[in-house]
C-alpha atoms as a PDB file:
ATOM      1  CA  UNK A   1      16.292  51.747 107.249  1.00  0.00           C
ATOM      2  CA  UNK A   2      19.839  51.192 106.086  1.00  0.00           C
ATOM      3  CA  UNK A   3      20.266  52.074 102.411  1.00  0.00           C
ATOM      4  CA  UNK A   4      22.460  49.706 100.429  1.00  0.00           C
ATOM      5  CA  UNK A   5      24.254  49.863  97.084  1.00  0.00           C
ATOM      6  CA  UNK A   6      23.155  47.425  94.371  1.00  0.00           C
ATOM      7  CA  UNK A   7      25.356  46.644  91.354  1.00  0.00           C
ATOM      8  CA  UNK A   8      23.803  44.954  88.324  1.00  0.00           C
ATOM      9  CA  UNK A   9      26.112  43.861  85.509  1.00  0.00           C
ATOM     10  CA  UNK A  10      25.766  41.836  82.349  1.00  0.00           C
ATOM     11  CA  UNK A  11      26.002  41.882  78.552  1.00  0.00           C
ATOM     12  CA  UNK A  12      23.917  44.031  76.225  1.00  0.00           C
ATOM     13  CA  UNK A  13      20.270  43.025  76.053  1.00  0.00           C
ATOM     14  CA  UNK A  14      20.230  40.960  79.250  1.00  0.00           C
ATOM     15  CA  UNK A  15      17.548  43.249  80.671  1.00  0.00           C
ATOM     16  CA  UNK A  16      19.707  45.271  83.051  1.00  0.00           C
ATOM     17  CA  UNK A  17      18.178  48.704  82.463  1.00  0.00           C
ATOM     18  CA  UNK A  18      14.526  47.712  82.729  1.00  0.00           C
ATOM     19  CA  UNK A  19      15.195  45.493  85.728  1.00  0.00           C
ATOM     20  CA  UNK A  20      17.356  48.039  87.548  1.00  0.00           C
ATOM     21  CA  UNK A  21      14.742  50.755  87.033  1.00  0.00           C
ATOM     22  CA  UNK A  22      11.954  48.617  88.495  1.00  0.00           C
ATOM     23  CA  UNK A  23      14.122  47.413  91.391  1.00  0.00           C
ATOM     24  CA  UNK A  24      14.951  51.031  92.224  1.00  0.00           C
ATOM     25  CA  UNK A  25      11.269  52.004  92.089  1.00  0.00           C
ATOM     26  CA  UNK A  26      10.253  49.189  94.459  1.00  0.00           C
ATOM     27  CA  UNK A  27      12.967  50.078  96.959  1.00  0.00           C
ATOM     28  CA  UNK A  28      12.599  53.841  96.608  1.00  0.00           C
ATOM     29  CA  UNK A  29      16.187  54.046  95.359  1.00  0.00           C
ATOM     30  CA  UNK A  30      17.892  56.016  92.577  1.00  0.00           C
ATOM     31  CA  UNK A  31      18.514  54.172  89.307  1.00  0.00           C
ATOM     32  CA  UNK A  32      21.782  54.963  87.545  1.00  0.00           C
ATOM     33  CA  UNK A  33      22.139  53.714  83.963  1.00  0.00           C
ATOM     34  CA  UNK A  34      25.922  53.933  83.524  1.00  0.00           C
ATOM     35  CA  UNK A  35      25.629  52.726  79.945  1.00  0.00           C
ATOM     36  CA  UNK A  36      23.642  55.860  79.140  1.00  0.00           C
ATOM     37  CA  UNK A  37      26.572  57.937  80.391  1.00  0.00           C
ATOM     38  CA  UNK A  38      28.942  56.248  77.921  1.00  0.00           C
ATOM     39  CA  UNK A  39      26.345  56.627  75.178  1.00  0.00           C
ATOM     40  CA  UNK A  40      26.182  60.368  75.863  1.00  0.00           C
ATOM     41  CA  UNK A  41      29.955  60.690  75.454  1.00  0.00           C
ATOM     42  CA  UNK A  42      29.761  58.602  72.278  1.00  0.00           C
ATOM     43  CA  UNK A  43      27.087  60.933  70.903  1.00  0.00           C
ATOM     44  CA  UNK A  44      29.390  63.890  71.563  1.00  0.00           C
ATOM     45  CA  UNK A  45      32.248  62.121  69.784  1.00  0.00           C
ATOM     46  CA  UNK A  46      30.062  61.555  66.732  1.00  0.00           C
ATOM     47  CA  UNK A  47      28.748  65.124  66.769  1.00  0.00           C
ATOM     48  CA  UNK A  48      32.304  66.461  66.859  1.00  0.00           C
ATOM     49  CA  UNK A  49      33.353  64.051  64.075  1.00  0.00           C
ATOM     50  CA  UNK A  50      36.222  62.746  66.186  1.00  0.00           C
ATOM     51  CA  UNK A  51      37.675  59.520  64.699  1.00  0.00           C
ATOM     52  CA  UNK A  52      36.958  56.505  66.893  1.00  0.00           C
ATOM     53  CA  UNK A  53      40.643  55.631  66.586  1.00  0.00           C
ATOM     54  CA  UNK A  54      41.725  58.902  68.264  1.00  0.00           C
ATOM     55  CA  UNK A  55      41.612  57.870  71.917  1.00  0.00           C
ATOM     56  CA  UNK A  56      43.386  61.003  73.175  1.00  0.00           C
ATOM     57  CA  UNK A  57      40.880  63.401  71.612  1.00  0.00           C
ATOM     58  CA  UNK A  58      37.959  61.325  72.790  1.00  0.00           C
ATOM     59  CA  UNK A  59      39.332  61.259  76.343  1.00  0.00           C
ATOM     60  CA  UNK A  60      39.769  65.045  76.349  1.00  0.00           C
ATOM     61  CA  UNK A  61      36.206  65.428  75.068  1.00  0.00           C
ATOM     62  CA  UNK A  62      34.946  63.238  77.916  1.00  0.00           C
ATOM     63  CA  UNK A  63      36.883  65.274  80.491  1.00  0.00           C
ATOM     64  CA  UNK A  64      35.279  68.547  79.440  1.00  0.00           C
ATOM     65  CA  UNK A  65      31.758  67.164  78.928  1.00  0.00           C
ATOM     66  CA  UNK A  66      29.071  67.139  81.602  1.00  0.00           C
ATOM     67  CA  UNK A  67      26.757  64.115  81.697  1.00  0.00           C
ATOM     68  CA  UNK A  68      23.822  64.337  84.095  1.00  0.00           C
ATOM     69  CA  UNK A  69      21.012  61.890  84.859  1.00  0.00           C
ATOM     70  CA  UNK A  70      17.695  63.159  86.198  1.00  0.00           C
ATOM     71  CA  UNK A  71      14.649  61.185  87.264  1.00  0.00           C
ATOM     72  CA  UNK A  72      11.420  62.153  85.524  1.00  0.00           C
ATOM     73  CA  UNK A  73       8.082  60.291  85.661  1.00  0.00           C
ATOM     74  CA  UNK A  74       9.798  57.119  86.842  1.00  0.00           C
ATOM     75  CA  UNK A  75      12.476  57.219  84.130  1.00  0.00           C
ATOM     76  CA  UNK A  76      15.930  58.706  83.746  1.00  0.00           C
ATOM     77  CA  UNK A  77      16.505  61.618  81.409  1.00  0.00           C
ATOM     78  CA  UNK A  78      20.056  62.011  80.128  1.00  0.00           C
ATOM     79  CA  UNK A  79      21.590  65.456  79.734  1.00  0.00           C
ATOM     80  CA  UNK A  80      24.797  66.218  77.854  1.00  0.00           C
ATOM     81  CA  UNK A  81      26.190  69.676  78.574  1.00  0.00           C
ATOM     82  CA  UNK A  82      22.731  70.799  79.637  1.00  0.00           C
ATOM     83  CA  UNK A  83      20.837  69.367  76.637  1.00  0.00           C
ATOM     84  CA  UNK A  84      18.390  66.464  76.873  1.00  0.00           C
ATOM     85  CA  UNK A  85      19.798  63.671  74.677  1.00  0.00           C
ATOM     86  CA  UNK A  86      17.753  60.787  76.111  1.00  0.00           C
ATOM     87  CA  UNK A  87      16.358  59.676  72.757  1.00  0.00           C
ATOM     88  CA  UNK A  88      19.376  60.510  70.614  1.00  0.00           C
ATOM     89  CA  UNK A  89      21.770  58.280  72.557  1.00  0.00           C
ATOM     90  CA  UNK A  90      19.725  55.238  71.505  1.00  0.00           C
ATOM     91  CA  UNK A  91      20.397  55.727  67.790  1.00  0.00           C
ATOM     92  CA  UNK A  92      21.905  52.887  65.752  1.00  0.00           C
ATOM     93  CA  UNK A  93      25.078  54.899  65.132  1.00  0.00           C
ATOM     94  CA  UNK A  94      25.665  55.448  68.848  1.00  0.00           C
ATOM     95  CA  UNK A  95      24.929  51.790  69.590  1.00  0.00           C
ATOM     96  CA  UNK A  96      27.468  50.719  66.976  1.00  0.00           C
ATOM     97  CA  UNK A  97      30.207  52.982  68.363  1.00  0.00           C
ATOM     98  CA  UNK A  98      29.703  52.940  72.136  1.00  0.00           C
ATOM     99  CA  UNK A  99      31.788  49.811  72.791  1.00  0.00           C
ATOM    100  CA  UNK A 100      34.803  51.433  71.142  1.00  0.00           C
ATOM    101  CA  UNK A 101      34.434  54.688  73.068  1.00  0.00           C
ATOM    102  CA  UNK A 102      33.786  52.961  76.390  1.00  0.00           C
ATOM    103  CA  UNK A 103      36.901  50.809  75.973  1.00  0.00           C
ATOM    104  CA  UNK A 104      39.175  53.872  76.236  1.00  0.00           C
ATOM    105  CA  UNK A 105      40.783  53.767  79.675  1.00  0.00           C
ATOM    106  CA  UNK A 106      40.747  57.532  80.332  1.00  0.00           C
ATOM    107  CA  UNK A 107      37.085  57.774  79.333  1.00  0.00           C
ATOM    108  CA  UNK A 108      36.245  55.044  81.817  1.00  0.00           C
ATOM    109  CA  UNK A 109      38.269  56.768  84.539  1.00  0.00           C
ATOM    110  CA  UNK A 110      36.223  59.953  84.090  1.00  0.00           C
ATOM    111  CA  UNK A 111      32.907  58.096  84.130  1.00  0.00           C
ATOM    112  CA  UNK A 112      33.862  55.863  87.074  1.00  0.00           C
ATOM    113  CA  UNK A 113      34.778  58.915  89.131  1.00  0.00           C
ATOM    114  CA  UNK A 114      31.326  60.400  88.539  1.00  0.00           C
ATOM    115  CA  UNK A 115      29.535  57.102  89.190  1.00  0.00           C
ATOM    116  CA  UNK A 116      31.284  56.675  92.544  1.00  0.00           C
ATOM    117  CA  UNK A 117      30.214  60.170  93.572  1.00  0.00           C
ATOM    118  CA  UNK A 118      26.593  59.298  92.825  1.00  0.00           C
ATOM    119  CA  UNK A 119      26.767  56.040  94.797  1.00  0.00           C
ATOM    120  CA  UNK A 120      28.576  57.469  97.835  1.00  0.00           C
ATOM    121  CA  UNK A 121      25.430  57.997  99.948  1.00  0.00           C
ATOM    122  CA  UNK A 122      23.853  54.629  99.169  1.00  0.00           C
ATOM    123  CA  UNK A 123      20.274  53.973  98.142  1.00  0.00           C
ATOM    124  CA  UNK A 124      21.233  53.438  94.506  1.00  0.00           C
ATOM    125  CA  UNK A 125      20.957  50.764  91.837  1.00  0.00           C
ATOM    126  CA  UNK A 126      23.777  51.061  89.300  1.00  0.00           C
ATOM    127  CA  UNK A 127      23.849  48.928  86.188  1.00  0.00           C
ATOM    128  CA  UNK A 128      26.489  48.435  83.546  1.00  0.00           C
ATOM    129  CA  UNK A 129      29.316  46.050  82.716  1.00  0.00           C
ATOM    130  CA  UNK A 130      31.938  46.720  85.377  1.00  0.00           C
ATOM    131  CA  UNK A 131      29.967  47.998  88.369  1.00  0.00           C
ATOM    132  CA  UNK A 132      30.614  45.070  90.696  1.00  0.00           C
ATOM    133  CA  UNK A 133      34.211  44.545  89.579  1.00  0.00           C
ATOM    134  CA  UNK A 134      35.605  48.057  89.086  1.00  0.00           C
ATOM    135  CA  UNK A 135      33.214  50.902  89.868  1.00  0.00           C
ATOM    136  CA  UNK A 136      31.822  49.588  93.152  1.00  0.00           C
ATOM    137  CA  UNK A 137      33.732  46.451  94.170  1.00  0.00           C
ATOM    138  CA  UNK A 138      32.353  46.839  97.704  1.00  0.00           C
ATOM    139  CA  UNK A 139      28.693  47.045  96.627  1.00  0.00           C
ATOM    140  CA  UNK A 140      26.358  45.381  99.116  1.00  0.00           C
ATOM    141  CA  UNK A 141      24.553  43.309  96.490  1.00  0.00           C
ATOM    142  CA  UNK A 142      25.995  42.284  93.134  1.00  0.00           C
ATOM    143  CA  UNK A 143      23.909  40.654  90.421  1.00  0.00           C
ATOM    144  CA  UNK A 144      25.258  39.400  87.092  1.00  0.00           C
ATOM    145  CA  UNK A 145      22.462  39.079  84.545  1.00  0.00           C
ATOM    146  CA  UNK A 146      22.832  36.806  81.531  1.00  0.00           C
ATOM    147  CA  UNK A 147      20.621  35.593  78.669  1.00  0.00           C
ATOM    148  CA  UNK A 148      21.045  33.720  75.392  1.00  0.00           C
ATOM    149  CA  UNK A 149      22.249  35.913  72.529  1.00  0.00           C
ATOM    150  CA  UNK A 150      19.219  34.918  70.435  1.00  0.00           C
ATOM    151  CA  UNK A 151      16.840  35.920  73.230  1.00  0.00           C
ATOM    152  CA  UNK A 152      18.631  39.217  73.708  1.00  0.00           C
ATOM    153  CA  UNK A 153      18.393  39.872  69.971  1.00  0.00           C
ATOM    154  CA  UNK A 154      14.660  39.122  70.042  1.00  0.00           C
ATOM    155  CA  UNK A 155      14.193  41.659  72.828  1.00  0.00           C
ATOM    156  CA  UNK A 156      16.251  44.296  71.024  1.00  0.00           C
ATOM    157  CA  UNK A 157      14.269  43.743  67.803  1.00  0.00           C
ATOM    158  CA  UNK A 158      11.034  44.334  69.732  1.00  0.00           C
ATOM    159  CA  UNK A 159      12.481  47.439  71.390  1.00  0.00           C
ATOM    160  CA  UNK A 160      13.618  48.901  68.054  1.00  0.00           C
ATOM    161  CA  UNK A 161      10.275  48.098  66.429  1.00  0.00           C
ATOM    162  CA  UNK A 162       8.538  50.288  68.998  1.00  0.00           C
ATOM    163  CA  UNK A 163      10.672  53.150  67.679  1.00  0.00           C
ATOM    164  CA  UNK A 164       9.765  52.324  64.088  1.00  0.00           C
ATOM    165  CA  UNK A 165      13.102  50.642  63.314  1.00  0.00           C
ATOM    166  CA  UNK A 166      13.033  47.214  61.663  1.00  0.00           C
ATOM    167  CA  UNK A 167      16.177  45.046  61.838  1.00  0.00           C
ATOM    168  CA  UNK A 168      16.520  41.335  61.060  1.00  0.00           C
ATOM    169  CA  UNK A 169      16.917  39.224  64.186  1.00  0.00           C
ATOM    170  CA  UNK A 170      19.934  37.309  62.833  1.00  0.00           C
ATOM    171  CA  UNK A 171      21.748  40.608  62.274  1.00  0.00           C
ATOM    172  CA  UNK A 172      21.015  41.670  65.833  1.00  0.00           C
ATOM    173  CA  UNK A 173      22.220  38.306  67.159  1.00  0.00           C
ATOM    174  CA  UNK A 174      25.512  38.747  65.316  1.00  0.00           C
ATOM    175  CA  UNK A 175      25.825  42.303  66.657  1.00  0.00           C
ATOM    176  CA  UNK A 176      25.204  41.029  70.203  1.00  0.00           C
ATOM    177  CA  UNK A 177      27.909  38.393  69.894  1.00  0.00           C
ATOM    178  CA  UNK A 178      30.402  40.896  68.467  1.00  0.00           C
ATOM    179  CA  UNK A 179      29.658  43.375  71.236  1.00  0.00           C
ATOM    180  CA  UNK A 180      29.991  40.651  73.874  1.00  0.00           C
ATOM    181  CA  UNK A 181      33.442  39.845  72.499  1.00  0.00           C
ATOM    182  CA  UNK A 182      34.512  43.509  72.474  1.00  0.00           C
ATOM    183  CA  UNK A 183      33.222  44.142  75.974  1.00  0.00           C
ATOM    184  CA  UNK A 184      34.750  41.024  77.506  1.00  0.00           C
ATOM    185  CA  UNK A 185      38.181  41.305  75.859  1.00  0.00           C
ATOM    186  CA  UNK A 186      38.879  45.036  76.188  1.00  0.00           C
ATOM    187  CA  UNK A 187      41.867  46.033  78.331  1.00  0.00           C
ATOM    188  CA  UNK A 188      40.024  48.643  80.390  1.00  0.00           C
ATOM    189  CA  UNK A 189      37.418  47.214  82.785  1.00  0.00           C
ATOM    190  CA  UNK A 190      36.281  44.199  80.738  1.00  0.00           C
ATOM    191  CA  UNK A 191      32.841  42.713  81.184  1.00  0.00           C
ATOM    192  CA  UNK A 192      33.116  39.881  83.686  1.00  0.00           C
ATOM    193  CA  UNK A 193      31.270  38.429  86.628  1.00  0.00           C
ATOM    194  CA  UNK A 194      32.410  39.507  90.090  1.00  0.00           C
ATOM    195  CA  UNK A 195      33.348  36.528  92.242  1.00  0.00           C
ATOM    196  CA  UNK A 196      30.695  37.390  94.834  1.00  0.00           C
ATOM    197  CA  UNK A 197      27.940  38.201  92.346  1.00  0.00           C
ATOM    198  CA  UNK A 198      24.661  36.306  92.143  1.00  0.00           C
ATOM    199  CA  UNK A 199      24.073  35.026  88.586  1.00  0.00           C
ATOM    200  CA  UNK A 200      20.578  35.596  87.222  1.00  0.00           C
ATOM    201  CA  UNK A 201      19.735  33.976  83.870  1.00  0.00           C
ATOM    202  CA  UNK A 202      16.822  35.917  82.391  1.00  0.00           C
ATOM    203  CA  UNK A 203      16.453  33.853  79.195  1.00  0.00           C
ATOM    204  CA  UNK A 204      13.236  32.148  80.274  1.00  0.00           C
ATOM    205  CA  UNK A 205      11.828  34.169  83.163  1.00  0.00           C
ATOM    206  CA  UNK A 206       9.537  37.163  83.249  1.00  0.00           C
ATOM    207  CA  UNK A 207      10.560  40.667  84.199  1.00  0.00           C
ATOM    208  CA  UNK A 208       8.402  40.408  87.321  1.00  0.00           C
ATOM    209  CA  UNK A 209      10.241  37.298  88.502  1.00  0.00           C
ATOM    210  CA  UNK A 210      13.705  38.764  88.007  1.00  0.00           C
ATOM    211  CA  UNK A 211      12.766  42.036  89.723  1.00  0.00           C
ATOM    212  CA  UNK A 212      11.222  40.206  92.683  1.00  0.00           C
ATOM    213  CA  UNK A 213      14.333  38.033  92.965  1.00  0.00           C
ATOM    214  CA  UNK A 214      16.661  41.043  93.278  1.00  0.00           C
ATOM    215  CA  UNK A 215      14.320  43.004  95.535  1.00  0.00           C
ATOM    216  CA  UNK A 216      14.003  39.968  97.806  1.00  0.00           C
ATOM    217  CA  UNK A 217      17.781  39.662  98.096  1.00  0.00           C
ATOM    218  CA  UNK A 218      18.082  43.395  98.709  1.00  0.00           C
ATOM    219  CA  UNK A 219      15.470  43.478 101.476  1.00  0.00           C
ATOM    220  CA  UNK A 220      17.143  40.530 103.183  1.00  0.00           C
ATOM    221  CA  UNK A 221      20.433  42.451 103.230  1.00  0.00           C
ATOM    222  CA  UNK A 222      18.731  45.637 104.426  1.00  0.00           C
ATOM    223  CA  UNK A 223      17.165  43.783 107.358  1.00  0.00           C
ATOM    224  CA  UNK A 224      20.546  42.377 108.351  1.00  0.00           C
ATOM    225  CA  UNK A 225      22.233  45.775 108.193  1.00  0.00           C
ATOM    226  CA  UNK A 226      19.484  47.726 109.982  1.00  0.00           C
END
């Protein structure tokens, strides 16, 4: 069977990671969470106490850092310079700073280069904010996931609660809106829908429905290409 490349983009909290992981599992593909790669670099920046305003130092740090994703028990583990940082990259501090770090052009160039290497052989599901527009503009299937900011905040609140972190939903909604603005107005690879992407609004549908929708589209493409 022909193996295709699937690009899933969208704002924070739209459900990209969970959906992409399940789509990859159903198709027997590799799931690549590109956002986790930027989070790993952001963690390194914070550990090294590099000011977020110092783009040159951050870029150099990214160039000499190794970020690796490995599948384990159906989930990706994230390694930074050989150390497992899967849990640490989800901290509130990293979440607050990742948009700034990921907006640095040279950082994105380093990450995009690595992401293209991973996708070269096909059989992958990559998710992020610029996969279909910048990283893999020739991806076989492009999906742009969206959801209301309030719904995305509700999901994030639930996710944080599972980790023992309690945050007011209105604060999370404001954070979502601010991050949306940062991501969509940055100079380097802004968040935007590719012209040939399929829009999937996840505000009022279940995870099962959205996964089946993408898998159905993917299998249709695979049949045509095989």
